[in-house]
N, C-alpha and C. Protein backbone atom coordinates (compact mmCIF):
# COMPACT_ATOMS: atom_id res chain seq x y z
N MET A 1 55.25 133.48 74.82
CA MET A 1 54.53 133.87 75.78
C MET A 1 55.11 135.17 76.12
N SER A 2 54.09 136.27 76.34
CA SER A 2 55.07 137.71 76.25
C SER A 2 54.54 138.51 77.40
N SER A 3 53.44 138.11 78.04
CA SER A 3 53.17 138.59 79.25
C SER A 3 52.23 137.74 79.96
N LEU A 4 52.15 138.37 81.20
CA LEU A 4 50.90 137.18 82.34
C LEU A 4 49.85 137.11 81.51
N PHE A 5 49.51 138.33 80.97
CA PHE A 5 48.10 138.19 80.34
C PHE A 5 48.02 136.58 78.96
N ASP A 6 48.83 135.98 78.92
CA ASP A 6 48.93 134.92 78.38
C ASP A 6 48.61 133.54 78.68
N PHE A 7 48.98 133.45 79.93
CA PHE A 7 48.75 132.28 81.00
C PHE A 7 47.30 132.31 81.52
N GLU A 8 47.08 131.17 81.86
CA GLU A 8 45.74 130.19 82.45
C GLU A 8 46.30 129.47 83.50
N ALA A 9 45.27 129.14 84.39
CA ALA A 9 45.86 128.08 86.11
C ALA A 9 44.51 128.09 86.44
N LYS A 10 44.70 126.92 87.27
CA LYS A 10 43.31 126.72 87.67
C LYS A 10 43.12 127.26 89.03
N THR A 11 42.35 127.26 89.92
CA THR A 11 42.32 128.25 91.20
C THR A 11 42.16 126.88 91.97
N ILE A 12 41.95 126.87 93.42
CA ILE A 12 42.25 125.83 94.36
C ILE A 12 40.72 125.26 93.97
N GLN A 13 39.64 126.12 93.93
CA GLN A 13 38.42 125.13 93.64
C GLN A 13 38.17 124.81 92.40
N ASP A 14 39.83 124.57 91.23
CA ASP A 14 38.90 124.01 90.04
C ASP A 14 38.40 124.61 89.40
N GLN A 15 38.44 126.02 89.58
CA GLN A 15 38.04 126.73 88.03
C GLN A 15 38.75 127.14 87.16
N LEU A 16 38.99 127.78 86.01
CA LEU A 16 39.86 127.98 85.04
C LEU A 16 39.95 129.81 85.44
N PHE A 17 41.33 130.05 85.15
CA PHE A 17 41.64 131.54 85.80
C PHE A 17 42.36 131.94 84.92
N ARG A 18 41.65 132.95 84.25
CA ARG A 18 42.71 133.17 82.73
C ARG A 18 43.22 134.54 83.42
N PHE A 19 44.35 134.83 83.38
CA PHE A 19 45.13 136.33 83.75
C PHE A 19 44.40 137.44 83.00
N SER A 20 44.27 137.20 81.32
CA SER A 20 43.97 138.27 80.57
C SER A 20 42.90 138.73 81.16
N ASP A 21 41.51 138.03 81.80
CA ASP A 21 40.46 138.92 82.09
C ASP A 21 40.92 140.07 83.31
N PHE A 22 42.51 140.18 83.67
CA PHE A 22 42.43 140.76 84.88
C PHE A 22 43.52 141.88 84.03
N LYS A 23 43.37 142.33 82.62
CA LYS A 23 44.44 143.26 82.13
C LYS A 23 44.47 144.46 82.74
N ASN A 24 45.69 145.11 82.53
CA ASN A 24 45.86 146.40 83.33
C ASN A 24 45.69 146.72 84.76
N GLN A 25 45.82 145.16 85.64
CA GLN A 25 45.75 145.16 86.79
C GLN A 25 47.42 144.99 87.48
N PRO A 26 48.37 145.10 88.18
CA PRO A 26 49.46 144.59 88.70
C PRO A 26 49.01 143.06 89.54
N PHE A 27 49.92 142.67 89.59
CA PHE A 27 50.06 141.27 90.33
C PHE A 27 51.14 141.18 91.42
N LEU A 28 50.99 140.21 92.40
CA LEU A 28 51.89 139.94 93.45
C LEU A 28 51.83 138.44 93.49
N ILE A 29 52.68 137.58 92.73
CA ILE A 29 52.23 136.04 92.26
C ILE A 29 53.42 135.34 93.23
N VAL A 30 53.19 134.37 94.36
CA VAL A 30 53.99 134.13 95.86
C VAL A 30 53.61 132.24 95.53
N ASN A 31 54.31 131.36 95.36
CA ASN A 31 54.86 129.98 95.83
C ASN A 31 54.49 130.07 97.04
N THR A 32 53.74 129.38 97.32
CA THR A 32 53.81 129.14 99.36
C THR A 32 53.77 127.79 99.44
N ALA A 33 53.55 127.58 100.97
CA ALA A 33 53.53 126.34 101.49
C ALA A 33 53.19 126.68 103.20
N ARG A 34 51.86 125.64 103.18
CA ARG A 34 51.67 125.98 105.19
C ARG A 34 52.60 125.65 106.04
N LYS A 35 53.77 124.56 105.36
CA LYS A 35 54.10 123.86 107.04
C LYS A 35 55.54 124.46 106.87
N CYS A 36 56.02 125.71 105.72
CA CYS A 36 57.24 125.99 106.26
C CYS A 36 57.41 127.26 107.18
N GLY A 37 58.26 127.62 107.06
CA GLY A 37 58.86 128.79 108.58
C GLY A 37 58.24 129.94 108.05
N PHE A 38 58.41 130.23 106.76
CA PHE A 38 58.14 131.33 105.67
C PHE A 38 56.57 131.50 106.02
N ALA A 39 55.73 130.80 106.44
CA ALA A 39 54.31 130.66 106.65
C ALA A 39 53.89 131.60 107.01
N PRO A 40 54.21 132.57 108.06
CA PRO A 40 53.71 133.78 108.53
C PRO A 40 53.63 134.53 107.59
N GLN A 41 54.50 134.53 106.42
CA GLN A 41 54.11 135.48 105.70
C GLN A 41 52.78 135.73 104.66
N MET A 42 51.92 134.64 105.11
CA MET A 42 50.83 134.57 104.15
C MET A 42 49.87 135.46 104.83
N LYS A 43 50.00 135.82 106.26
CA LYS A 43 49.33 137.18 106.94
C LYS A 43 49.76 138.54 105.99
N GLU A 44 51.01 138.51 106.12
CA GLU A 44 51.26 140.00 105.37
C GLU A 44 50.90 140.08 104.05
N LEU A 45 50.93 138.67 103.54
CA LEU A 45 50.15 138.88 102.18
C LEU A 45 48.93 139.00 102.04
N GLU A 46 48.23 138.89 102.83
CA GLU A 46 46.73 139.04 103.43
C GLU A 46 46.84 140.63 103.62
N ASP A 47 47.55 141.42 104.47
CA ASP A 47 47.57 142.28 104.46
C ASP A 47 47.66 143.09 103.36
N LEU A 48 48.55 142.84 102.88
CA LEU A 48 48.77 143.88 101.57
C LEU A 48 47.64 143.53 100.68
N HIS A 49 46.88 142.30 100.59
CA HIS A 49 45.60 142.21 99.63
C HIS A 49 44.28 142.91 100.00
N GLN A 50 44.66 143.31 101.59
CA GLN A 50 43.53 144.43 102.14
C GLN A 50 43.44 145.42 101.85
N THR A 51 45.10 145.83 102.16
CA THR A 51 45.20 147.34 101.80
C THR A 51 45.02 148.04 100.45
N TYR A 52 45.37 147.40 99.03
CA TYR A 52 45.54 147.31 97.83
C TYR A 52 44.69 146.65 96.91
N LYS A 53 43.66 145.93 97.48
CA LYS A 53 42.83 145.45 96.40
C LYS A 53 41.58 146.47 95.55
N ASN A 54 41.58 147.28 96.17
CA ASN A 54 40.36 148.13 95.79
C ASN A 54 41.49 149.50 94.66
N LYS A 55 42.52 149.48 94.81
CA LYS A 55 43.63 150.10 94.01
C LYS A 55 43.83 148.89 92.92
N GLY A 56 43.56 147.90 92.76
CA GLY A 56 43.70 147.38 91.02
C GLY A 56 44.58 145.84 91.57
N LEU A 57 45.78 145.78 92.68
CA LEU A 57 46.60 144.68 93.10
C LEU A 57 45.90 143.90 92.98
N MET A 58 45.95 142.63 92.26
CA MET A 58 45.66 141.03 93.00
C MET A 58 46.86 140.25 93.37
N VAL A 59 46.74 139.80 94.69
CA VAL A 59 47.61 138.79 95.25
C VAL A 59 47.04 137.57 94.99
N ILE A 60 48.28 136.25 94.14
CA ILE A 60 47.80 135.23 93.79
C ILE A 60 48.87 134.20 94.44
N ALA A 61 48.50 133.14 95.08
CA ALA A 61 49.39 132.34 95.96
C ALA A 61 49.12 130.79 95.09
N PHE A 62 50.47 130.48 94.63
CA PHE A 62 50.22 128.87 94.31
C PHE A 62 51.04 127.82 95.12
N PRO A 63 50.60 127.30 96.08
CA PRO A 63 50.76 126.24 96.59
C PRO A 63 51.64 125.08 96.10
N CYS A 64 53.14 124.46 96.49
CA CYS A 64 53.97 124.02 95.67
C CYS A 64 54.28 122.93 97.05
N ASN A 65 54.58 121.88 96.86
CA ASN A 65 54.72 120.64 97.55
C ASN A 65 56.81 120.37 97.36
N GLN A 66 57.03 121.33 96.47
CA GLN A 66 58.41 120.85 96.07
C GLN A 66 59.75 121.12 96.90
N PHE A 67 59.33 122.10 98.32
CA PHE A 67 60.46 122.46 98.94
C PHE A 67 60.23 122.06 100.30
N GLY A 68 60.73 120.17 100.74
CA GLY A 68 60.82 120.08 102.15
C GLY A 68 59.22 119.91 102.02
N SER A 69 58.69 118.88 101.02
CA SER A 69 57.18 118.53 101.44
C SER A 69 56.43 119.30 102.49
N GLN A 70 56.74 121.16 102.16
CA GLN A 70 55.67 121.33 103.32
C GLN A 70 54.38 121.95 102.51
N GLU A 71 54.25 121.30 101.53
CA GLU A 71 52.94 121.67 101.34
C GLU A 71 51.93 120.35 101.19
N PRO A 72 52.03 119.48 102.00
CA PRO A 72 51.03 118.04 101.65
C PRO A 72 49.68 118.41 101.50
N GLY A 73 48.77 117.39 100.95
CA GLY A 73 47.44 117.55 100.98
C GLY A 73 46.62 117.98 100.07
N SER A 74 45.89 117.69 99.75
CA SER A 74 44.73 118.54 98.45
C SER A 74 44.36 119.75 98.74
N ASN A 75 44.19 120.42 97.38
CA ASN A 75 43.68 121.67 97.32
C ASN A 75 42.58 121.57 98.41
N GLU A 76 41.64 121.17 98.74
CA GLU A 76 40.49 121.32 99.44
C GLU A 76 41.61 121.40 101.18
N GLU A 77 42.03 120.70 101.45
CA GLU A 77 42.75 120.42 102.84
C GLU A 77 43.47 121.99 102.57
N ILE A 78 44.78 122.37 101.71
CA ILE A 78 45.13 123.80 101.89
C ILE A 78 44.54 124.59 102.00
N ALA A 79 43.12 125.08 101.30
CA ALA A 79 41.52 126.05 101.11
C ALA A 79 41.52 126.35 102.51
N GLU A 80 41.52 125.14 102.98
CA GLU A 80 40.63 125.04 104.61
C GLU A 80 41.80 125.89 105.96
N GLN A 81 43.04 125.05 105.57
CA GLN A 81 43.74 125.81 106.37
C GLN A 81 44.00 127.09 106.34
N CYS A 82 44.19 127.51 105.10
CA CYS A 82 44.70 128.76 104.73
C CYS A 82 43.80 130.12 105.40
N ASP A 83 42.51 129.26 105.01
CA ASP A 83 41.14 130.40 105.86
C ASP A 83 41.04 130.47 107.13
N LEU A 84 41.48 129.24 108.14
CA LEU A 84 41.47 128.71 109.37
C LEU A 84 42.41 129.64 109.91
N SER A 85 43.82 129.57 109.37
CA SER A 85 44.87 129.90 110.02
C SER A 85 45.39 131.25 109.78
N PHE A 86 44.57 131.43 108.49
CA PHE A 86 45.89 132.77 107.93
C PHE A 86 44.45 133.76 107.40
N HIS A 87 43.35 133.04 107.52
CA HIS A 87 41.79 134.23 107.01
C HIS A 87 42.48 134.88 105.73
N THR A 88 43.02 133.76 104.93
CA THR A 88 42.99 134.42 103.23
C THR A 88 41.93 134.66 103.09
N THR A 89 41.70 135.82 102.09
CA THR A 89 40.93 136.20 100.90
C THR A 89 41.34 136.43 99.67
N PHE A 90 42.75 136.31 99.54
CA PHE A 90 43.04 136.62 98.10
C PHE A 90 43.34 135.44 97.41
N GLN A 91 43.35 135.55 95.99
CA GLN A 91 43.37 134.39 95.35
C GLN A 91 44.25 132.80 95.26
N MET A 92 43.47 132.03 95.62
CA MET A 92 44.75 130.95 96.09
C MET A 92 44.50 130.17 94.88
N MET A 93 45.25 129.39 93.89
CA MET A 93 45.65 128.79 93.40
C MET A 93 45.62 127.06 93.40
N SER A 94 45.26 126.30 92.14
CA SER A 94 45.38 124.85 92.88
C SER A 94 46.88 124.74 93.00
N LYS A 95 47.69 123.60 93.54
CA LYS A 95 48.72 123.70 93.85
C LYS A 95 49.41 122.95 92.31
N ILE A 96 50.47 123.09 92.56
CA ILE A 96 51.29 123.33 91.27
C ILE A 96 52.81 123.07 91.25
N ASP A 97 53.68 122.52 90.46
CA ASP A 97 55.08 122.40 90.40
C ASP A 97 55.26 124.19 90.06
N VAL A 98 56.62 124.49 90.59
CA VAL A 98 57.28 125.47 89.82
C VAL A 98 58.69 125.37 89.57
N ASN A 99 59.22 123.82 89.38
CA ASN A 99 60.74 123.42 89.24
C ASN A 99 60.30 122.68 88.60
N GLY A 100 61.61 122.47 87.55
CA GLY A 100 61.60 120.87 86.55
C GLY A 100 60.24 120.31 85.98
N THR A 101 60.83 119.37 85.00
CA THR A 101 59.82 119.20 84.18
C THR A 101 58.94 119.70 83.93
N ASN A 102 57.90 119.38 85.30
CA ASN A 102 56.76 119.52 85.37
C ASN A 102 55.86 120.51 86.16
N ALA A 103 56.92 121.97 86.03
CA ALA A 103 56.54 123.00 85.98
C ALA A 103 55.67 123.71 85.71
N HIS A 104 54.72 124.53 86.02
CA HIS A 104 53.75 125.08 85.35
C HIS A 104 54.27 126.32 84.57
N PRO A 105 53.51 126.24 83.32
CA PRO A 105 54.29 127.16 82.01
C PRO A 105 54.42 128.66 82.63
N LEU A 106 53.54 128.89 83.76
CA LEU A 106 53.83 130.26 84.25
C LEU A 106 54.91 130.52 84.79
N TYR A 107 54.78 129.67 85.89
CA TYR A 107 56.27 129.48 86.65
C TYR A 107 57.97 129.40 85.50
N GLN A 108 57.49 129.05 84.59
CA GLN A 108 58.61 129.02 83.67
C GLN A 108 58.93 129.89 83.19
N TRP A 109 57.86 130.91 82.76
CA TRP A 109 58.17 131.88 82.19
C TRP A 109 58.23 132.81 82.87
N LEU A 110 58.09 133.50 84.41
CA LEU A 110 58.40 133.90 85.64
C LEU A 110 59.57 133.77 85.90
N SER A 111 60.05 132.52 85.65
CA SER A 111 61.28 132.26 85.81
C SER A 111 62.76 133.00 85.45
N ALA A 112 61.84 132.96 83.78
CA ALA A 112 63.00 133.26 82.91
C ALA A 112 62.77 134.58 82.67
N GLN A 113 62.14 135.24 82.95
CA GLN A 113 61.83 137.05 82.87
C GLN A 113 62.28 137.76 84.03
N ALA A 114 62.85 136.83 85.22
CA ALA A 114 63.41 137.37 86.21
C ALA A 114 63.95 135.99 87.31
N PRO A 115 65.28 136.40 86.44
CA PRO A 115 65.96 135.14 87.33
C PRO A 115 66.37 135.37 88.64
N GLY A 116 66.82 134.52 89.04
CA GLY A 116 66.84 135.01 91.05
C GLY A 116 68.70 135.50 90.85
N LEU A 117 69.28 134.93 92.16
CA LEU A 117 71.06 135.36 92.32
C LEU A 117 71.60 134.43 91.17
N PHE A 118 72.69 135.05 90.95
CA PHE A 118 73.83 134.69 89.70
C PHE A 118 73.04 134.31 88.56
N GLY A 119 71.92 134.44 88.30
CA GLY A 119 71.15 134.45 86.78
C GLY A 119 70.42 133.30 87.00
N SER A 120 70.35 132.20 88.00
CA SER A 120 69.68 131.12 87.96
C SER A 120 68.20 131.44 87.94
N GLN A 121 67.31 130.30 87.17
CA GLN A 121 66.22 130.67 87.20
C GLN A 121 65.22 129.90 87.79
N ALA A 122 65.80 129.02 88.49
CA ALA A 122 65.14 127.86 89.67
C ALA A 122 64.84 128.87 90.78
N ILE A 123 63.54 128.60 91.07
CA ILE A 123 63.00 129.01 92.38
C ILE A 123 63.44 128.17 93.70
N LYS A 124 64.44 128.97 94.57
CA LYS A 124 64.81 128.23 95.33
C LYS A 124 64.37 127.74 96.29
N TRP A 125 62.97 128.21 96.74
CA TRP A 125 62.14 128.21 98.16
C TRP A 125 61.10 128.45 98.05
N ASN A 126 60.30 128.51 98.90
CA ASN A 126 59.00 128.77 98.62
C ASN A 126 58.66 130.25 99.33
N PHE A 127 57.74 130.65 98.80
CA PHE A 127 57.28 132.39 99.15
C PHE A 127 58.51 133.38 98.54
N THR A 128 58.70 132.96 97.03
CA THR A 128 59.84 133.47 95.77
C THR A 128 58.48 134.21 95.52
N LYS A 129 58.34 135.62 95.38
CA LYS A 129 57.38 136.67 94.93
C LYS A 129 57.77 137.33 93.57
N PHE A 130 56.97 137.51 92.66
CA PHE A 130 57.00 138.04 91.39
C PHE A 130 56.01 139.23 91.48
N LEU A 131 56.83 139.91 91.25
CA LEU A 131 55.34 141.25 91.21
C LEU A 131 55.62 141.76 89.64
N ILE A 132 54.59 141.87 89.23
CA ILE A 132 54.09 142.09 87.68
C ILE A 132 53.33 143.74 87.51
N ASP A 133 53.48 144.21 86.49
CA ASP A 133 53.13 145.71 86.56
C ASP A 133 51.49 145.36 85.28
N ARG A 134 51.38 146.42 85.37
CA ARG A 134 50.06 146.43 84.60
C ARG A 134 49.98 145.99 83.34
N SER A 135 51.51 146.12 82.51
CA SER A 135 51.17 145.40 80.85
C SER A 135 51.55 144.11 81.28
N GLY A 136 51.39 143.49 82.38
CA GLY A 136 51.75 141.95 82.47
C GLY A 136 53.09 141.63 82.31
N LYS A 137 54.08 142.90 82.43
CA LYS A 137 55.59 142.53 82.06
C LYS A 137 55.98 142.23 84.06
N VAL A 138 56.70 141.46 84.00
CA VAL A 138 57.92 141.24 85.73
C VAL A 138 58.76 142.33 85.96
N VAL A 139 57.85 142.95 86.69
CA VAL A 139 59.26 144.09 87.32
C VAL A 139 60.35 143.70 88.04
N GLU A 140 59.90 142.52 89.06
CA GLU A 140 61.04 142.27 89.81
C GLU A 140 60.88 140.87 90.82
N ARG A 141 61.74 140.26 90.88
CA ARG A 141 61.55 139.14 91.60
C ARG A 141 62.28 139.28 92.93
N PHE A 142 61.45 138.55 94.56
CA PHE A 142 61.68 139.30 95.60
C PHE A 142 61.97 137.56 96.23
N SER A 143 63.06 137.30 96.98
CA SER A 143 63.44 136.01 97.71
C SER A 143 62.42 135.45 98.70
N SER A 144 62.37 134.63 99.16
CA SER A 144 61.46 134.34 100.16
C SER A 144 62.01 135.09 101.35
N MET A 145 63.09 135.30 101.86
CA MET A 145 64.02 136.58 102.69
C MET A 145 63.09 137.65 102.56
N HIS A 146 62.85 138.08 101.88
CA HIS A 146 61.88 139.48 101.54
C HIS A 146 60.87 139.33 102.35
N SER A 147 60.60 140.11 102.98
CA SER A 147 59.07 139.99 103.67
C SER A 147 58.18 140.74 102.88
N PRO A 148 56.81 140.16 102.44
CA PRO A 148 55.55 141.19 101.96
C PRO A 148 55.94 142.69 101.94
N GLU A 149 55.65 142.88 103.85
CA GLU A 149 55.62 144.31 104.08
C GLU A 149 56.51 145.02 103.64
N LYS A 150 57.77 144.49 102.85
CA LYS A 150 58.83 145.14 102.63
C LYS A 150 58.64 145.89 100.61
N LEU A 151 57.37 145.21 100.41
CA LEU A 151 56.87 145.15 99.20
C LEU A 151 55.92 146.88 98.99
N ARG A 152 55.57 147.08 99.86
CA ARG A 152 54.18 148.45 100.45
C ARG A 152 55.18 149.78 98.97
N ALA A 153 56.24 150.19 99.23
CA ALA A 153 57.01 151.02 98.29
C ALA A 153 56.62 150.43 96.63
N PRO A 154 57.45 149.06 96.28
CA PRO A 154 57.46 148.71 95.01
C PRO A 154 55.96 148.56 94.20
N ILE A 155 55.07 147.76 95.52
CA ILE A 155 53.59 148.04 94.74
C ILE A 155 53.09 149.36 94.61
N GLU A 156 53.40 150.39 95.55
CA GLU A 156 52.58 151.64 95.33
C GLU A 156 52.70 152.01 94.05
N ASN A 157 54.38 152.27 93.65
CA ASN A 157 54.66 152.72 92.40
C ASN A 157 54.07 152.14 91.11
N LEU A 158 53.57 150.76 91.54
CA LEU A 158 52.66 150.52 90.29
C LEU A 158 51.24 151.03 90.09
N LEU A 159 50.59 151.32 91.46
CA LEU A 159 49.39 151.70 91.31
C LEU A 159 48.83 153.02 91.10
């Protein structure tokens, strides 16, 4: 796989999502968890979505329960709470694994394209963020500690 546009995933409503349907758009892809201490970043992600969606940015969230079991429940429960608690309107995907033998192929690719600290490909925690340009190439990886609000300049550079 050579770009984001080679991948597919399921939405939180169990619909097929083909990234190729959104060629020439930049993406911000994040693994999320509602019970994580970083969960307030959901509001910041929504703010980025509202600010930049008309300029083409797609914010995509992949719920993941691999870190401290902080994303329990079904896709339906996740979608409902994200709507009620965070008022999310950006694209939520089906819950996946981001590490290990069952890691979603997209996350295997993202991790290989933009290794973390000391070259580690593993996702370290919830709310690791990947910024992808219009050609489907990973521009940068940001840790959980990196607030989505601080991504405005890199996002604007892609728009």
